[in-house]
Amino acid sequence: QQPQSMQYLTMIIGLRIKIEGFLYPDFAAQVPEFNADMAELIASGAVKGRETVMEGLEKAPDAFIGLFTGANTGKMLVKV
């Protein structure tokens, strides 16, 4: 049996799906415009960040471990 990744590759080729990677430098010239647009969206409330808040300093170790186990959505915060 093929490894799962190869099964997906076969399906992708069969469906003629195009995969194209990109890197940050490809769009570096557009970053200032993006930052300005995002600042407006955040200020208007149209875009909101997600946070996981743990109450109490005693929860700091759990919060730290949670960063590596997927226990958080968005920022992991410890409220003291």
PDB file of N, CA and C in Angstrom:
ATOM      1  N   GLN A   1       0.851  -1.187   0.000  1.00  0.00           N
ATOM      2  CA  GLN A   1       0.000   0.000   0.000  1.00  0.00           C
ATOM      3  C   GLN A   1       0.893   1.245   0.000  1.00  0.00           C
ATOM      4  N   GLN A   2       0.463   2.264  -0.766  1.00  0.00           N
ATOM      5  CA  GLN A   2       1.228   3.507  -0.854  1.00  0.00           C
ATOM      6  C   GLN A   2       1.106   4.292   0.446  1.00  0.00           C
ATOM      7  N   PRO A   3       2.152   5.042   0.794  1.00  0.00           N
ATOM      8  CA  PRO A   3       2.011   5.975   1.915  1.00  0.00           C
ATOM      9  C   PRO A   3       0.875   6.956   1.617  1.00  0.00           C
ATOM     10  N   GLN A   4       0.236   7.439   2.676  1.00  0.00           N
ATOM     11  CA  GLN A   4      -0.920   8.321   2.510  1.00  0.00           C
ATOM     12  C   GLN A   4      -0.587   9.549   1.664  1.00  0.00           C
ATOM     13  N   SER A   5       0.598  10.116   1.850  1.00  0.00           N
ATOM     14  CA  SER A   5       0.960  11.304   1.075  1.00  0.00           C
ATOM     15  C   SER A   5       0.986  10.998  -0.420  1.00  0.00           C
ATOM     16  N   MET A   6       1.418   9.804  -0.791  1.00  0.00           N
ATOM     17  CA  MET A   6       1.443   9.424  -2.206  1.00  0.00           C
ATOM     18  C   MET A   6       0.029   9.228  -2.740  1.00  0.00           C
ATOM     19  N   GLN A   7      -0.874   8.734  -1.906  1.00  0.00           N
ATOM     20  CA  GLN A   7      -2.264   8.584  -2.335  1.00  0.00           C
ATOM     21  C   GLN A   7      -2.846   9.952  -2.669  1.00  0.00           C
ATOM     22  N   TYR A   8      -2.559  10.929  -1.829  1.00  0.00           N
ATOM     23  CA  TYR A   8      -3.052  12.283  -2.084  1.00  0.00           C
ATOM     24  C   TYR A   8      -2.440  12.847  -3.359  1.00  0.00           C
ATOM     25  N   LEU A   9      -1.158  12.588  -3.564  1.00  0.00           N
ATOM     26  CA  LEU A   9      -0.493  13.091  -4.760  1.00  0.00           C
ATOM     27  C   LEU A   9      -1.134  12.495  -6.011  1.00  0.00           C
ATOM     28  N   THR A  10      -1.434  11.209  -5.972  1.00  0.00           N
ATOM     29  CA  THR A  10      -2.102  10.560  -7.100  1.00  0.00           C
ATOM     30  C   THR A  10      -3.460  11.203  -7.358  1.00  0.00           C
ATOM     31  N   MET A  11      -4.211  11.480  -6.295  1.00  0.00           N
ATOM     32  CA  MET A  11      -5.520  12.116  -6.440  1.00  0.00           C
ATOM     33  C   MET A  11      -5.368  13.529  -7.021  1.00  0.00           C
ATOM     34  N   ILE A  12      -4.390  14.266  -6.525  1.00  0.00           N
ATOM     35  CA  ILE A  12      -4.165  15.633  -7.004  1.00  0.00           C
ATOM     36  C   ILE A  12      -3.840  15.630  -8.496  1.00  0.00           C
ATOM     37  N   ILE A  13      -2.975  14.729  -8.904  1.00  0.00           N
ATOM     38  CA  ILE A  13      -2.622  14.643 -10.322  1.00  0.00           C
ATOM     39  C   ILE A  13      -3.843  14.242 -11.139  1.00  0.00           C
ATOM     40  N   GLY A  14      -4.600  13.269 -10.640  1.00  0.00           N
ATOM     41  CA  GLY A  14      -5.789  12.808 -11.349  1.00  0.00           C
ATOM     42  C   GLY A  14      -6.843  13.882 -11.519  1.00  0.00           C
ATOM     43  N   LEU A  15      -6.951  14.764 -10.537  1.00  0.00           N
ATOM     44  CA  LEU A  15      -7.935  15.851 -10.605  1.00  0.00           C
ATOM     45  C   LEU A  15      -7.366  17.109 -11.264  1.00  0.00           C
ATOM     46  N   ARG A  16      -6.105  17.030 -11.652  1.00  0.00           N
ATOM     47  CA  ARG A  16      -5.414  18.153 -12.289  1.00  0.00           C
ATOM     48  C   ARG A  16      -5.428  19.414 -11.410  1.00  0.00           C
ATOM     49  N   ILE A  17      -5.284  19.189 -10.125  1.00  0.00           N
ATOM     50  CA  ILE A  17      -5.235  20.309  -9.180  1.00  0.00           C
ATOM     51  C   ILE A  17      -3.840  20.929  -9.244  1.00  0.00           C
ATOM     52  N   LYS A  18      -3.800  22.238  -9.276  1.00  0.00           N
ATOM     53  CA  LYS A  18      -2.529  22.950  -9.336  1.00  0.00           C
ATOM     54  C   LYS A  18      -2.102  23.328  -7.923  1.00  0.00           C
ATOM     55  N   ILE A  19      -0.882  23.013  -7.580  1.00  0.00           N
ATOM     56  CA  ILE A  19      -0.309  23.380  -6.290  1.00  0.00           C
ATOM     57  C   ILE A  19       0.801  24.382  -6.571  1.00  0.00           C
ATOM     58  N   GLU A  20       0.728  25.522  -5.915  1.00  0.00           N
ATOM     59  CA  GLU A  20       1.754  26.540  -6.128  1.00  0.00           C
ATOM     60  C   GLU A  20       2.143  27.138  -4.788  1.00  0.00           C
ATOM     61  N   GLY A  21       3.392  27.065  -4.475  1.00  0.00           N
ATOM     62  CA  GLY A  21       3.877  27.651  -3.241  1.00  0.00           C
ATOM     63  C   GLY A  21       4.199  29.122  -3.424  1.00  0.00           C
ATOM     64  N   PHE A  22       4.264  29.831  -2.319  1.00  0.00           N
ATOM     65  CA  PHE A  22       4.689  31.225  -2.371  1.00  0.00           C
ATOM     66  C   PHE A  22       5.445  31.541  -1.094  1.00  0.00           C
ATOM     67  N   LEU A  23       6.281  32.536  -1.185  1.00  0.00           N
ATOM     68  CA  LEU A  23       7.078  32.973  -0.054  1.00  0.00           C
ATOM     69  C   LEU A  23       6.816  34.447   0.210  1.00  0.00           C
ATOM     70  N   TYR A  24       7.033  34.848   1.428  1.00  0.00           N
ATOM     71  CA  TYR A  24       6.817  36.234   1.839  1.00  0.00           C
ATOM     72  C   TYR A  24       7.476  37.244   0.897  1.00  0.00           C
ATOM     73  N   PRO A  25       8.738  37.042   0.497  1.00  0.00           N
ATOM     74  CA  PRO A  25       9.367  38.041  -0.383  1.00  0.00           C
ATOM     75  C   PRO A  25       8.637  38.246  -1.711  1.00  0.00           C
ATOM     76  N   ASP A  26       7.862  37.252  -2.140  1.00  0.00           N
ATOM     77  CA  ASP A  26       7.110  37.404  -3.386  1.00  0.00           C
ATOM     78  C   ASP A  26       6.116  38.560  -3.307  1.00  0.00           C
ATOM     79  N   PHE A  27       5.684  38.901  -2.091  1.00  0.00           N
ATOM     80  CA  PHE A  27       4.656  39.919  -1.906  1.00  0.00           C
ATOM     81  C   PHE A  27       5.122  41.070  -1.020  1.00  0.00           C
ATOM     82  N   ALA A  28       6.418  41.200  -0.828  1.00  0.00           N
ATOM     83  CA  ALA A  28       6.966  42.217   0.072  1.00  0.00           C
ATOM     84  C   ALA A  28       6.526  43.626  -0.314  1.00  0.00           C
ATOM     85  N   ALA A  29       6.376  43.899  -1.589  1.00  0.00           N
ATOM     86  CA  ALA A  29       5.981  45.241  -2.031  1.00  0.00           C
ATOM     87  C   ALA A  29       4.550  45.580  -1.612  1.00  0.00           C
ATOM     88  N   GLN A  30       3.732  44.567  -1.347  1.00  0.00           N
ATOM     89  CA  GLN A  30       2.334  44.798  -0.980  1.00  0.00           C
ATOM     90  C   GLN A  30       2.107  44.866   0.531  1.00  0.00           C
ATOM     91  N   VAL A  31       3.149  44.627   1.318  1.00  0.00           N
ATOM     92  CA  VAL A  31       3.000  44.599   2.772  1.00  0.00           C
ATOM     93  C   VAL A  31       2.506  45.924   3.345  1.00  0.00           C
ATOM     94  N   PRO A  32       3.025  47.088   2.962  1.00  0.00           N
ATOM     95  CA  PRO A  32       2.517  48.339   3.534  1.00  0.00           C
ATOM     96  C   PRO A  32       1.012  48.535   3.285  1.00  0.00           C
ATOM     97  N   GLU A  33       0.552  48.222   2.083  1.00  0.00           N
ATOM     98  CA  GLU A  33      -0.879  48.348   1.777  1.00  0.00           C
ATOM     99  C   GLU A  33      -1.694  47.358   2.613  1.00  0.00           C
ATOM    100  N   PHE A  34      -1.195  46.133   2.739  1.00  0.00           N
ATOM    101  CA  PHE A  34      -1.871  45.124   3.558  1.00  0.00           C
ATOM    102  C   PHE A  34      -1.974  45.585   5.005  1.00  0.00           C
ATOM    103  N   ASN A  35      -0.873  46.087   5.557  1.00  0.00           N
ATOM    104  CA  ASN A  35      -0.875  46.543   6.949  1.00  0.00           C
ATOM    105  C   ASN A  35      -1.885  47.667   7.164  1.00  0.00           C
ATOM    106  N   ALA A  36      -1.955  48.602   6.233  1.00  0.00           N
ATOM    107  CA  ALA A  36      -2.914  49.710   6.350  1.00  0.00           C
ATOM    108  C   ALA A  36      -4.346  49.189   6.281  1.00  0.00           C
ATOM    109  N   ASP A  37      -4.614  48.282   5.340  1.00  0.00           N
ATOM    110  CA  ASP A  37      -5.962  47.711   5.214  1.00  0.00           C
ATOM    111  C   ASP A  37      -6.350  46.930   6.465  1.00  0.00           C
ATOM    112  N   MET A  38      -5.428  46.124   6.983  1.00  0.00           N
ATOM    113  CA  MET A  38      -5.726  45.321   8.173  1.00  0.00           C
ATOM    114  C   MET A  38      -5.945  46.206   9.393  1.00  0.00           C
ATOM    115  N   ALA A  39      -5.175  47.281   9.512  1.00  0.00           N
ATOM    116  CA  ALA A  39      -5.353  48.194  10.641  1.00  0.00           C
ATOM    117  C   ALA A  39      -6.766  48.763  10.645  1.00  0.00           C
ATOM    118  N   GLU A  40      -7.279  49.122   9.471  1.00  0.00           N
ATOM    119  CA  GLU A  40      -8.652  49.640   9.371  1.00  0.00           C
ATOM    120  C   GLU A  40      -9.674  48.568   9.745  1.00  0.00           C
ATOM    121  N   LEU A  41      -9.479  47.361   9.249  1.00  0.00           N
ATOM    122  CA  LEU A  41     -10.420  46.275   9.541  1.00  0.00           C
ATOM    123  C   LEU A  41     -10.431  45.929  11.027  1.00  0.00           C
ATOM    124  N   ILE A  42      -9.272  45.924  11.644  1.00  0.00           N
ATOM    125  CA  ILE A  42      -9.189  45.635  13.079  1.00  0.00           C
ATOM    126  C   ILE A  42      -9.836  46.752  13.881  1.00  0.00           C
ATOM    127  N   ALA A  43      -9.547  48.010  13.524  1.00  0.00           N
ATOM    128  CA  ALA A  43     -10.121  49.158  14.232  1.00  0.00           C
ATOM    129  C   ALA A  43     -11.639  49.189  14.124  1.00  0.00           C
ATOM    130  N   SER A  44     -12.177  48.763  12.983  1.00  0.00           N
ATOM    131  CA  SER A  44     -13.633  48.784  12.792  1.00  0.00           C
ATOM    132  C   SER A  44     -14.325  47.588  13.434  1.00  0.00           C
ATOM    133  N   GLY A  45     -13.542  46.596  13.859  1.00  0.00           N
ATOM    134  CA  GLY A  45     -14.132  45.400  14.456  1.00  0.00           C
ATOM    135  C   GLY A  45     -14.505  44.330  13.441  1.00  0.00           C
ATOM    136  N   ALA A  46     -14.225  44.578  12.168  1.00  0.00           N
ATOM    137  CA  ALA A  46     -14.541  43.596  11.125  1.00  0.00           C
ATOM    138  C   ALA A  46     -13.660  42.353  11.240  1.00  0.00           C
ATOM    139  N   VAL A  47     -12.453  42.528  11.763  1.00  0.00           N
ATOM    140  CA  VAL A  47     -11.537  41.414  11.987  1.00  0.00           C
ATOM    141  C   VAL A  47     -11.165  41.421  13.460  1.00  0.00           C
ATOM    142  N   LYS A  48     -11.323  40.277  14.099  1.00  0.00           N
ATOM    143  CA  LYS A  48     -11.003  40.173  15.521  1.00  0.00           C
ATOM    144  C   LYS A  48     -10.041  39.019  15.738  1.00  0.00           C
ATOM    145  N   GLY A  49      -9.098  39.229  16.627  1.00  0.00           N
ATOM    146  CA  GLY A  49      -8.171  38.165  16.984  1.00  0.00           C
ATOM    147  C   GLY A  49      -8.833  37.192  17.943  1.00  0.00           C
ATOM    148  N   ARG A  50      -8.346  35.980  17.947  1.00  0.00           N
ATOM    149  CA  ARG A  50      -8.859  34.971  18.876  1.00  0.00           C
ATOM    150  C   ARG A  50      -7.860  34.795  20.002  1.00  0.00           C
ATOM    151  N   GLU A  51      -8.390  34.537  21.185  1.00  0.00           N
ATOM    152  CA  GLU A  51      -7.535  34.380  22.359  1.00  0.00           C
ATOM    153  C   GLU A  51      -8.032  33.225  23.210  1.00  0.00           C
ATOM    154  N   THR A  52      -7.095  32.573  23.858  1.00  0.00           N
ATOM    155  CA  THR A  52      -7.412  31.618  24.910  1.00  0.00           C
ATOM    156  C   THR A  52      -6.849  32.229  26.180  1.00  0.00           C
ATOM    157  N   VAL A  53      -7.698  32.463  27.173  1.00  0.00           N
ATOM    158  CA  VAL A  53      -7.276  33.114  28.412  1.00  0.00           C
ATOM    159  C   VAL A  53      -7.354  32.110  29.549  1.00  0.00           C
ATOM    160  N   MET A  54      -6.240  31.947  30.256  1.00  0.00           N
ATOM    161  CA  MET A  54      -6.204  31.092  31.437  1.00  0.00           C
ATOM    162  C   MET A  54      -6.077  32.011  32.646  1.00  0.00           C
ATOM    163  N   GLU A  55      -6.893  31.763  33.639  1.00  0.00           N
ATOM    164  CA  GLU A  55      -6.955  32.616  34.831  1.00  0.00           C
ATOM    165  C   GLU A  55      -5.959  32.150  35.890  1.00  0.00           C
ATOM    166  N   GLY A  56      -5.124  33.070  36.369  1.00  0.00           N
ATOM    167  CA  GLY A  56      -4.235  32.800  37.489  1.00  0.00           C
ATOM    168  C   GLY A  56      -2.835  32.390  37.070  1.00  0.00           C
ATOM    169  N   LEU A  57      -1.867  32.905  37.817  1.00  0.00           N
ATOM    170  CA  LEU A  57      -0.462  32.622  37.530  1.00  0.00           C
ATOM    171  C   LEU A  57      -0.150  31.133  37.650  1.00  0.00           C
ATOM    172  N   GLU A  58      -0.888  30.433  38.505  1.00  0.00           N
ATOM    173  CA  GLU A  58      -0.655  28.994  38.665  1.00  0.00           C
ATOM    174  C   GLU A  58      -0.975  28.210  37.387  1.00  0.00           C
ATOM    175  N   LYS A  59      -1.704  28.826  36.475  1.00  0.00           N
ATOM    176  CA  LYS A  59      -2.044  28.184  35.195  1.00  0.00           C
ATOM    177  C   LYS A  59      -0.979  28.425  34.120  1.00  0.00           C
ATOM    178  N   ALA A  60       0.046  29.222  34.437  1.00  0.00           N
ATOM    179  CA  ALA A  60       1.079  29.543  33.447  1.00  0.00           C
ATOM    180  C   ALA A  60       1.758  28.298  32.875  1.00  0.00           C
ATOM    181  N   PRO A  61       2.139  27.311  33.713  1.00  0.00           N
ATOM    182  CA  PRO A  61       2.747  26.109  33.120  1.00  0.00           C
ATOM    183  C   PRO A  61       1.801  25.379  32.161  1.00  0.00           C
ATOM    184  N   ASP A  62       0.523  25.281  32.539  1.00  0.00           N
ATOM    185  CA  ASP A  62      -0.452  24.634  31.653  1.00  0.00           C
ATOM    186  C   ASP A  62      -0.611  25.416  30.352  1.00  0.00           C
ATOM    187  N   ALA A  63      -0.596  26.740  30.463  1.00  0.00           N
ATOM    188  CA  ALA A  63      -0.718  27.578  29.269  1.00  0.00           C
ATOM    189  C   ALA A  63       0.482  27.364  28.352  1.00  0.00           C
ATOM    190  N   PHE A  64       1.670  27.291  28.943  1.00  0.00           N
ATOM    191  CA  PHE A  64       2.883  27.089  28.147  1.00  0.00           C
ATOM    192  C   PHE A  64       2.843  25.743  27.433  1.00  0.00           C
ATOM    193  N   ILE A  65       2.495  24.706  28.160  1.00  0.00           N
ATOM    194  CA  ILE A  65       2.398  23.372  27.558  1.00  0.00           C
ATOM    195  C   ILE A  65       1.316  23.360  26.486  1.00  0.00           C
ATOM    196  N   GLY A  66       0.230  24.073  26.740  1.00  0.00           N
ATOM    197  CA  GLY A  66      -0.868  24.136  25.782  1.00  0.00           C
ATOM    198  C   GLY A  66      -0.471  24.715  24.439  1.00  0.00           C
ATOM    199  N   LEU A  67       0.555  25.568  24.439  1.00  0.00           N
ATOM    200  CA  LEU A  67       1.047  26.127  23.176  1.00  0.00           C
ATOM    201  C   LEU A  67       1.549  25.038  22.235  1.00  0.00           C
ATOM    202  N   PHE A  68       2.051  23.949  22.813  1.00  0.00           N
ATOM    203  CA  PHE A  68       2.658  22.885  22.014  1.00  0.00           C
ATOM    204  C   PHE A  68       1.725  21.701  21.790  1.00  0.00           C
ATOM    205  N   THR A  69       0.554  21.739  22.436  1.00  0.00           N
ATOM    206  CA  THR A  69      -0.384  20.623  22.292  1.00  0.00           C
ATOM    207  C   THR A  69      -1.660  21.033  21.572  1.00  0.00           C
ATOM    208  N   GLY A  70      -1.722  22.287  21.148  1.00  0.00           N
ATOM    209  CA  GLY A  70      -2.909  22.748  20.424  1.00  0.00           C
ATOM    210  C   GLY A  70      -4.082  23.066  21.326  1.00  0.00           C
ATOM    211  N   ALA A  71      -3.817  23.358  22.598  1.00  0.00           N
ATOM    212  CA  ALA A  71      -4.890  23.644  23.547  1.00  0.00           C
ATOM    213  C   ALA A  71      -5.440  25.060  23.403  1.00  0.00           C
ATOM    214  N   ASN A  72      -4.806  25.864  22.580  1.00  0.00           N
ATOM    215  CA  ASN A  72      -5.234  27.257  22.447  1.00  0.00           C
ATOM    216  C   ASN A  72      -5.793  27.543  21.066  1.00  0.00           C
ATOM    217  N   THR A  73      -6.616  28.590  21.026  1.00  0.00           N
ATOM    218  CA  THR A  73      -7.075  29.156  19.764  1.00  0.00           C
ATOM    219  C   THR A  73      -6.559  30.582  19.739  1.00  0.00           C
ATOM    220  N   GLY A  74      -5.735  30.923  18.779  1.00  0.00           N
ATOM    221  CA  GLY A  74      -5.162  32.262  18.731  1.00  0.00           C
ATOM    222  C   GLY A  74      -4.095  32.432  19.796  1.00  0.00           C
ATOM    223  N   LYS A  75      -4.050  33.635  20.375  1.00  0.00           N
ATOM    224  CA  LYS A  75      -3.057  33.924  21.410  1.00  0.00           C
ATOM    225  C   LYS A  75      -3.383  33.152  22.678  1.00  0.00           C
ATOM    226  N   MET A  76      -2.344  32.699  23.359  1.00  0.00           N
ATOM    227  CA  MET A  76      -2.504  32.083  24.677  1.00  0.00           C
ATOM    228  C   MET A  76      -2.117  33.147  25.694  1.00  0.00           C
ATOM    229  N   LEU A  77      -3.048  33.513  26.561  1.00  0.00           N
ATOM    230  CA  LEU A  77      -2.814  34.541  27.572  1.00  0.00           C
ATOM    231  C   LEU A  77      -3.020  33.966  28.958  1.00  0.00           C
ATOM    232  N   VAL A  78      -2.240  34.465  29.909  1.00  0.00           N
ATOM    233  CA  VAL A  78      -2.436  34.130  31.315  1.00  0.00           C
ATOM    234  C   VAL A  78      -2.813  35.416  32.020  1.00  0.00           C
ATOM    235  N   LYS A  79      -4.021  35.435  32.567  1.00  0.00           N
ATOM    236  CA  LYS A  79      -4.509  36.618  33.278  1.00  0.00           C
ATOM    237  C   LYS A  79      -4.137  36.481  34.745  1.00  0.00           C
ATOM    238  N   VAL A  80      -3.352  37.458  35.226  1.00  0.00           N
ATOM    239  CA  VAL A  80      -2.872  37.417  36.609  1.00  0.00           C
ATOM    240  C   VAL A  80      -3.729  38.302  37.474  1.00  0.00           C
TER     241      VAL A  80
END
